[in-house]
Amino acid sequence: MAPGLKTVEDAVEMRRRIFSAFEAAEKETDPELRRAWLTFVIVGGGPTGVELAGAIATSYHR
């Protein structure tokens, strides 16, 4: 089941999951697996989805 984003607790959990994926990708030596850790799917193109996509994009600096 996909996580929601309706409460502060949902947002904190989403942030934890995203940063955990960044940390796992940083430790990964296989480029294919690293790419998988850095692939995010956002369902919904409303204001919340657009803001989340922007936040993820600006959080990842290469």
PDB file of N, CA and C in Angstrom:
ATOM      1  N   MET A   1       0.832  -1.177   0.000  1.00  0.00           N
ATOM      2  CA  MET A   1       0.000   0.000   0.000  1.00  0.00           C
ATOM      3  C   MET A   1       0.882   1.248   0.000  1.00  0.00           C
ATOM      4  N   ALA A   2       0.522   2.203  -0.800  1.00  0.00           N
ATOM      5  CA  ALA A   2       1.285   3.449  -0.885  1.00  0.00           C
ATOM      6  C   ALA A   2       0.989   4.329   0.324  1.00  0.00           C
ATOM      7  N   PRO A   3       1.998   5.039   0.808  1.00  0.00           N
ATOM      8  CA  PRO A   3       1.770   5.917   1.954  1.00  0.00           C
ATOM      9  C   PRO A   3       0.949   7.139   1.557  1.00  0.00           C
ATOM     10  N   GLY A   4       0.173   7.635   2.496  1.00  0.00           N
ATOM     11  CA  GLY A   4      -0.599   8.853   2.265  1.00  0.00           C
ATOM     12  C   GLY A   4       0.189  10.060   2.725  1.00  0.00           C
ATOM     13  N   LEU A   5      -0.409  11.210   2.562  1.00  0.00           N
ATOM     14  CA  LEU A   5       0.244  12.450   2.981  1.00  0.00           C
ATOM     15  C   LEU A   5      -0.822  13.412   3.489  1.00  0.00           C
ATOM     16  N   LYS A   6      -1.556  12.948   4.498  1.00  0.00           N
ATOM     17  CA  LYS A   6      -2.667  13.728   5.042  1.00  0.00           C
ATOM     18  C   LYS A   6      -2.369  14.339   6.404  1.00  0.00           C
ATOM     19  N   THR A   7      -1.407  13.783   7.137  1.00  0.00           N
ATOM     20  CA  THR A   7      -1.122  14.254   8.489  1.00  0.00           C
ATOM     21  C   THR A   7       0.364  14.580   8.623  1.00  0.00           C
ATOM     22  N   VAL A   8       0.702  15.228   9.706  1.00  0.00           N
ATOM     23  CA  VAL A   8       2.113  15.508   9.993  1.00  0.00           C
ATOM     24  C   VAL A   8       2.880  14.201  10.154  1.00  0.00           C
ATOM     25  N   GLU A   9       2.250  13.227  10.786  1.00  0.00           N
ATOM     26  CA  GLU A   9       2.901  11.924  10.961  1.00  0.00           C
ATOM     27  C   GLU A   9       3.183  11.274   9.608  1.00  0.00           C
ATOM     28  N   ASP A  10       2.239  11.402   8.666  1.00  0.00           N
ATOM     29  CA  ASP A  10       2.457  10.882   7.303  1.00  0.00           C
ATOM     30  C   ASP A  10       3.669  11.564   6.663  1.00  0.00           C
ATOM     31  N   ALA A  11       3.769  12.867   6.828  1.00  0.00           N
ATOM     32  CA  ALA A  11       4.873  13.626   6.234  1.00  0.00           C
ATOM     33  C   ALA A  11       6.212  13.214   6.833  1.00  0.00           C
ATOM     34  N   VAL A  12       6.239  13.020   8.144  1.00  0.00           N
ATOM     35  CA  VAL A  12       7.482  12.606   8.810  1.00  0.00           C
ATOM     36  C   VAL A  12       7.902  11.218   8.322  1.00  0.00           C
ATOM     37  N   GLU A  13       6.933  10.320   8.177  1.00  0.00           N
ATOM     38  CA  GLU A  13       7.235   8.971   7.675  1.00  0.00           C
ATOM     39  C   GLU A  13       7.722   9.023   6.225  1.00  0.00           C
ATOM     40  N   MET A  14       7.096   9.860   5.404  1.00  0.00           N
ATOM     41  CA  MET A  14       7.524  10.013   4.009  1.00  0.00           C
ATOM     42  C   MET A  14       8.960  10.532   3.961  1.00  0.00           C
ATOM     43  N   ARG A  15       9.263  11.521   4.774  1.00  0.00           N
ATOM     44  CA  ARG A  15      10.618  12.077   4.829  1.00  0.00           C
ATOM     45  C   ARG A  15      11.621  11.008   5.253  1.00  0.00           C
ATOM     46  N   ARG A  16      11.269  10.199   6.246  1.00  0.00           N
ATOM     47  CA  ARG A  16      12.145   9.130   6.706  1.00  0.00           C
ATOM     48  C   ARG A  16      12.432   8.140   5.586  1.00  0.00           C
ATOM     49  N   ARG A  17      11.385   7.766   4.859  1.00  0.00           N
ATOM     50  CA  ARG A  17      11.560   6.799   3.761  1.00  0.00           C
ATOM     51  C   ARG A  17      12.441   7.358   2.647  1.00  0.00           C
ATOM     52  N   ILE A  18      12.240   8.618   2.315  1.00  0.00           N
ATOM     53  CA  ILE A  18      13.026   9.238   1.240  1.00  0.00           C
ATOM     54  C   ILE A  18      14.491   9.325   1.648  1.00  0.00           C
ATOM     55  N   PHE A  19      14.771   9.808   2.862  1.00  0.00           N
ATOM     56  CA  PHE A  19      16.159   9.907   3.303  1.00  0.00           C
ATOM     57  C   PHE A  19      16.798   8.535   3.464  1.00  0.00           C
ATOM     58  N   SER A  20      16.025   7.539   3.863  1.00  0.00           N
ATOM     59  CA  SER A  20      16.557   6.170   3.949  1.00  0.00           C
ATOM     60  C   SER A  20      16.962   5.667   2.564  1.00  0.00           C
ATOM     61  N   ALA A  21      16.171   5.999   1.551  1.00  0.00           N
ATOM     62  CA  ALA A  21      16.511   5.602   0.183  1.00  0.00           C
ATOM     63  C   ALA A  21      17.787   6.305  -0.279  1.00  0.00           C
ATOM     64  N   PHE A  22      17.932   7.599   0.037  1.00  0.00           N
ATOM     65  CA  PHE A  22      19.163   8.316  -0.304  1.00  0.00           C
ATOM     66  C   PHE A  22      20.374   7.679   0.368  1.00  0.00           C
ATOM     67  N   GLU A  23      20.229   7.322   1.633  1.00  0.00           N
ATOM     68  CA  GLU A  23      21.330   6.697   2.367  1.00  0.00           C
ATOM     69  C   GLU A  23      21.691   5.336   1.784  1.00  0.00           C
ATOM     70  N   ALA A  24      20.686   4.540   1.427  1.00  0.00           N
ATOM     71  CA  ALA A  24      20.947   3.232   0.821  1.00  0.00           C
ATOM     72  C   ALA A  24      21.638   3.392  -0.531  1.00  0.00           C
ATOM     73  N   ALA A  25      21.205   4.375  -1.306  1.00  0.00           N
ATOM     74  CA  ALA A  25      21.817   4.619  -2.620  1.00  0.00           C
ATOM     75  C   ALA A  25      23.274   5.055  -2.468  1.00  0.00           C
ATOM     76  N   GLU A  26      23.548   5.842  -1.454  1.00  0.00           N
ATOM     77  CA  GLU A  26      24.905   6.321  -1.222  1.00  0.00           C
ATOM     78  C   GLU A  26      25.863   5.167  -0.914  1.00  0.00           C
ATOM     79  N   LYS A  27      25.362   4.147  -0.235  1.00  0.00           N
ATOM     80  CA  LYS A  27      26.190   2.997   0.137  1.00  0.00           C
ATOM     81  C   LYS A  27      26.299   1.961  -0.981  1.00  0.00           C
ATOM     82  N   GLU A  28      25.403   2.014  -1.944  1.00  0.00           N
ATOM     83  CA  GLU A  28      25.334   0.993  -3.002  1.00  0.00           C
ATOM     84  C   GLU A  28      26.457   1.184  -4.013  1.00  0.00           C
ATOM     85  N   THR A  29      27.120   0.085  -4.369  1.00  0.00           N
ATOM     86  CA  THR A  29      28.205   0.150  -5.356  1.00  0.00           C
ATOM     87  C   THR A  29      27.742  -0.221  -6.762  1.00  0.00           C
ATOM     88  N   ASP A  30      26.657  -0.948  -6.873  1.00  0.00           N
ATOM     89  CA  ASP A  30      26.119  -1.340  -8.175  1.00  0.00           C
ATOM     90  C   ASP A  30      25.288  -0.185  -8.744  1.00  0.00           C
ATOM     91  N   PRO A  31      25.681   0.357  -9.901  1.00  0.00           N
ATOM     92  CA  PRO A  31      24.963   1.508 -10.466  1.00  0.00           C
ATOM     93  C   PRO A  31      23.475   1.234 -10.728  1.00  0.00           C
ATOM     94  N   GLU A  32      23.157   0.019 -11.132  1.00  0.00           N
ATOM     95  CA  GLU A  32      21.757  -0.334 -11.404  1.00  0.00           C
ATOM     96  C   GLU A  32      20.922  -0.305 -10.119  1.00  0.00           C
ATOM     97  N   LEU A  33      21.458  -0.859  -9.052  1.00  0.00           N
ATOM     98  CA  LEU A  33      20.756  -0.834  -7.771  1.00  0.00           C
ATOM     99  C   LEU A  33      20.689   0.580  -7.199  1.00  0.00           C
ATOM    100  N   ARG A  34      21.741   1.358  -7.399  1.00  0.00           N
ATOM    101  CA  ARG A  34      21.730   2.754  -6.945  1.00  0.00           C
ATOM    102  C   ARG A  34      20.613   3.524  -7.642  1.00  0.00           C
ATOM    103  N   ARG A  35      20.495   3.315  -8.949  1.00  0.00           N
ATOM    104  CA  ARG A  35      19.436   3.972  -9.718  1.00  0.00           C
ATOM    105  C   ARG A  35      18.060   3.570  -9.191  1.00  0.00           C
ATOM    106  N   ALA A  36      17.905   2.303  -8.837  1.00  0.00           N
ATOM    107  CA  ALA A  36      16.626   1.832  -8.302  1.00  0.00           C
ATOM    108  C   ALA A  36      16.297   2.525  -6.986  1.00  0.00           C
ATOM    109  N   TRP A  37      17.289   2.691  -6.105  1.00  0.00           N
ATOM    110  CA  TRP A  37      17.052   3.386  -4.833  1.00  0.00           C
ATOM    111  C   TRP A  37      16.658   4.841  -5.047  1.00  0.00           C
ATOM    112  N   LEU A  38      17.112   5.426  -6.154  1.00  0.00           N
ATOM    113  CA  LEU A  38      16.849   6.838  -6.416  1.00  0.00           C
ATOM    114  C   LEU A  38      15.664   7.061  -7.356  1.00  0.00           C
ATOM    115  N   THR A  39      14.877   6.020  -7.572  1.00  0.00           N
ATOM    116  CA  THR A  39      13.673   6.129  -8.398  1.00  0.00           C
ATOM    117  C   THR A  39      12.461   6.243  -7.487  1.00  0.00           C
ATOM    118  N   PHE A  40      11.728   7.336  -7.639  1.00  0.00           N
ATOM    119  CA  PHE A  40      10.539   7.591  -6.825  1.00  0.00           C
ATOM    120  C   PHE A  40       9.343   7.730  -7.747  1.00  0.00           C
ATOM    121  N   VAL A  41       8.206   7.204  -7.330  1.00  0.00           N
ATOM    122  CA  VAL A  41       6.971   7.325  -8.091  1.00  0.00           C
ATOM    123  C   VAL A  41       5.992   8.141  -7.259  1.00  0.00           C
ATOM    124  N   ILE A  42       5.504   9.213  -7.837  1.00  0.00           N
ATOM    125  CA  ILE A  42       4.535  10.073  -7.162  1.00  0.00           C
ATOM    126  C   ILE A  42       3.245   9.999  -7.957  1.00  0.00           C
ATOM    127  N   VAL A  43       2.188   9.582  -7.299  1.00  0.00           N
ATOM    128  CA  VAL A  43       0.890   9.465  -7.953  1.00  0.00           C
ATOM    129  C   VAL A  43       0.092  10.715  -7.600  1.00  0.00           C
ATOM    130  N   GLY A  44      -0.297  11.432  -8.601  1.00  0.00           N
ATOM    131  CA  GLY A  44      -1.065  12.652  -8.383  1.00  0.00           C
ATOM    132  C   GLY A  44      -0.255  13.866  -8.790  1.00  0.00           C
ATOM    133  N   GLY A  45      -0.833  14.678  -9.627  1.00  0.00           N
ATOM    134  CA  GLY A  45      -0.149  15.876 -10.109  1.00  0.00           C
ATOM    135  C   GLY A  45      -0.751  17.141  -9.543  1.00  0.00           C
ATOM    136  N   GLY A  46      -1.444  17.008  -8.412  1.00  0.00           N
ATOM    137  CA  GLY A  46      -1.995  18.188  -7.759  1.00  0.00           C
ATOM    138  C   GLY A  46      -0.902  18.929  -7.009  1.00  0.00           C
ATOM    139  N   PRO A  47      -1.270  19.939  -6.255  1.00  0.00           N
ATOM    140  CA  PRO A  47      -0.268  20.743  -5.536  1.00  0.00           C
ATOM    141  C   PRO A  47       0.637  19.919  -4.620  1.00  0.00           C
ATOM    142  N   THR A  48       0.081  18.950  -3.905  1.00  0.00           N
ATOM    143  CA  THR A  48       0.901  18.154  -2.991  1.00  0.00           C
ATOM    144  C   THR A  48       1.916  17.315  -3.758  1.00  0.00           C
ATOM    145  N   GLY A  49       1.479  16.659  -4.835  1.00  0.00           N
ATOM    146  CA  GLY A  49       2.386  15.840  -5.631  1.00  0.00           C
ATOM    147  C   GLY A  49       3.493  16.656  -6.278  1.00  0.00           C
ATOM    148  N   VAL A  50       3.139  17.825  -6.778  1.00  0.00           N
ATOM    149  CA  VAL A  50       4.134  18.697  -7.410  1.00  0.00           C
ATOM    150  C   VAL A  50       5.144  19.193  -6.377  1.00  0.00           C
ATOM    151  N   GLU A  51       4.664  19.590  -5.205  1.00  0.00           N
ATOM    152  CA  GLU A  51       5.560  20.032  -4.133  1.00  0.00           C
ATOM    153  C   GLU A  51       6.491  18.907  -3.686  1.00  0.00           C
ATOM    154  N   LEU A  52       5.942  17.698  -3.561  1.00  0.00           N
ATOM    155  CA  LEU A  52       6.767  16.567  -3.151  1.00  0.00           C
ATOM    156  C   LEU A  52       7.837  16.272  -4.195  1.00  0.00           C
ATOM    157  N   ALA A  53       7.467  16.277  -5.466  1.00  0.00           N
ATOM    158  CA  ALA A  53       8.446  16.041  -6.534  1.00  0.00           C
ATOM    159  C   ALA A  53       9.554  17.088  -6.499  1.00  0.00           C
ATOM    160  N   GLY A  54       9.185  18.340  -6.299  1.00  0.00           N
ATOM    161  CA  GLY A  54      10.183  19.403  -6.218  1.00  0.00           C
ATOM    162  C   GLY A  54      11.093  19.246  -5.013  1.00  0.00           C
ATOM    163  N   ALA A  55      10.516  18.850  -3.881  1.00  0.00           N
ATOM    164  CA  ALA A  55      11.312  18.665  -2.667  1.00  0.00           C
ATOM    165  C   ALA A  55      12.311  17.524  -2.839  1.00  0.00           C
ATOM    166  N   ILE A  56      11.881  16.435  -3.459  1.00  0.00           N
ATOM    167  CA  ILE A  56      12.794  15.310  -3.702  1.00  0.00           C
ATOM    168  C   ILE A  56      13.908  15.747  -4.647  1.00  0.00           C
ATOM    169  N   ALA A  57      13.547  16.438  -5.718  1.00  0.00           N
ATOM    170  CA  ALA A  57      14.545  16.875  -6.703  1.00  0.00           C
ATOM    171  C   ALA A  57      15.583  17.799  -6.087  1.00  0.00           C
ATOM    172  N   THR A  58      15.165  18.723  -5.224  1.00  0.00           N
ATOM    173  CA  THR A  58      16.120  19.649  -4.635  1.00  0.00           C
ATOM    174  C   THR A  58      16.908  19.004  -3.484  1.00  0.00           C
ATOM    175  N   SER A  59      16.419  17.899  -2.940  1.00  0.00           N
ATOM    176  CA  SER A  59      17.130  17.216  -1.865  1.00  0.00           C
ATOM    177  C   SER A  59      18.291  16.398  -2.392  1.00  0.00           C
ATOM    178  N   TYR A  60      18.211  15.992  -3.636  1.00  0.00           N
ATOM    179  CA  TYR A  60      19.250  15.142  -4.228  1.00  0.00           C
ATOM    180  C   TYR A  60      20.185  15.981  -5.067  1.00  0.00           C
ATOM    181  N   HIS A  61      21.389  16.181  -4.581  1.00  0.00           N
ATOM    182  CA  HIS A  61      22.398  16.967  -5.314  1.00  0.00           C
ATOM    183  C   HIS A  61      23.462  16.020  -5.811  1.00  0.00           C
ATOM    184  N   ARG A  62      23.690  16.050  -7.086  1.00  0.00           N
ATOM    185  CA  ARG A  62      24.695  15.170  -7.664  1.00  0.00           C
ATOM    186  C   ARG A  62      25.916  15.915  -8.076  1.00  0.00           C
TER     187      ARG A  62
END
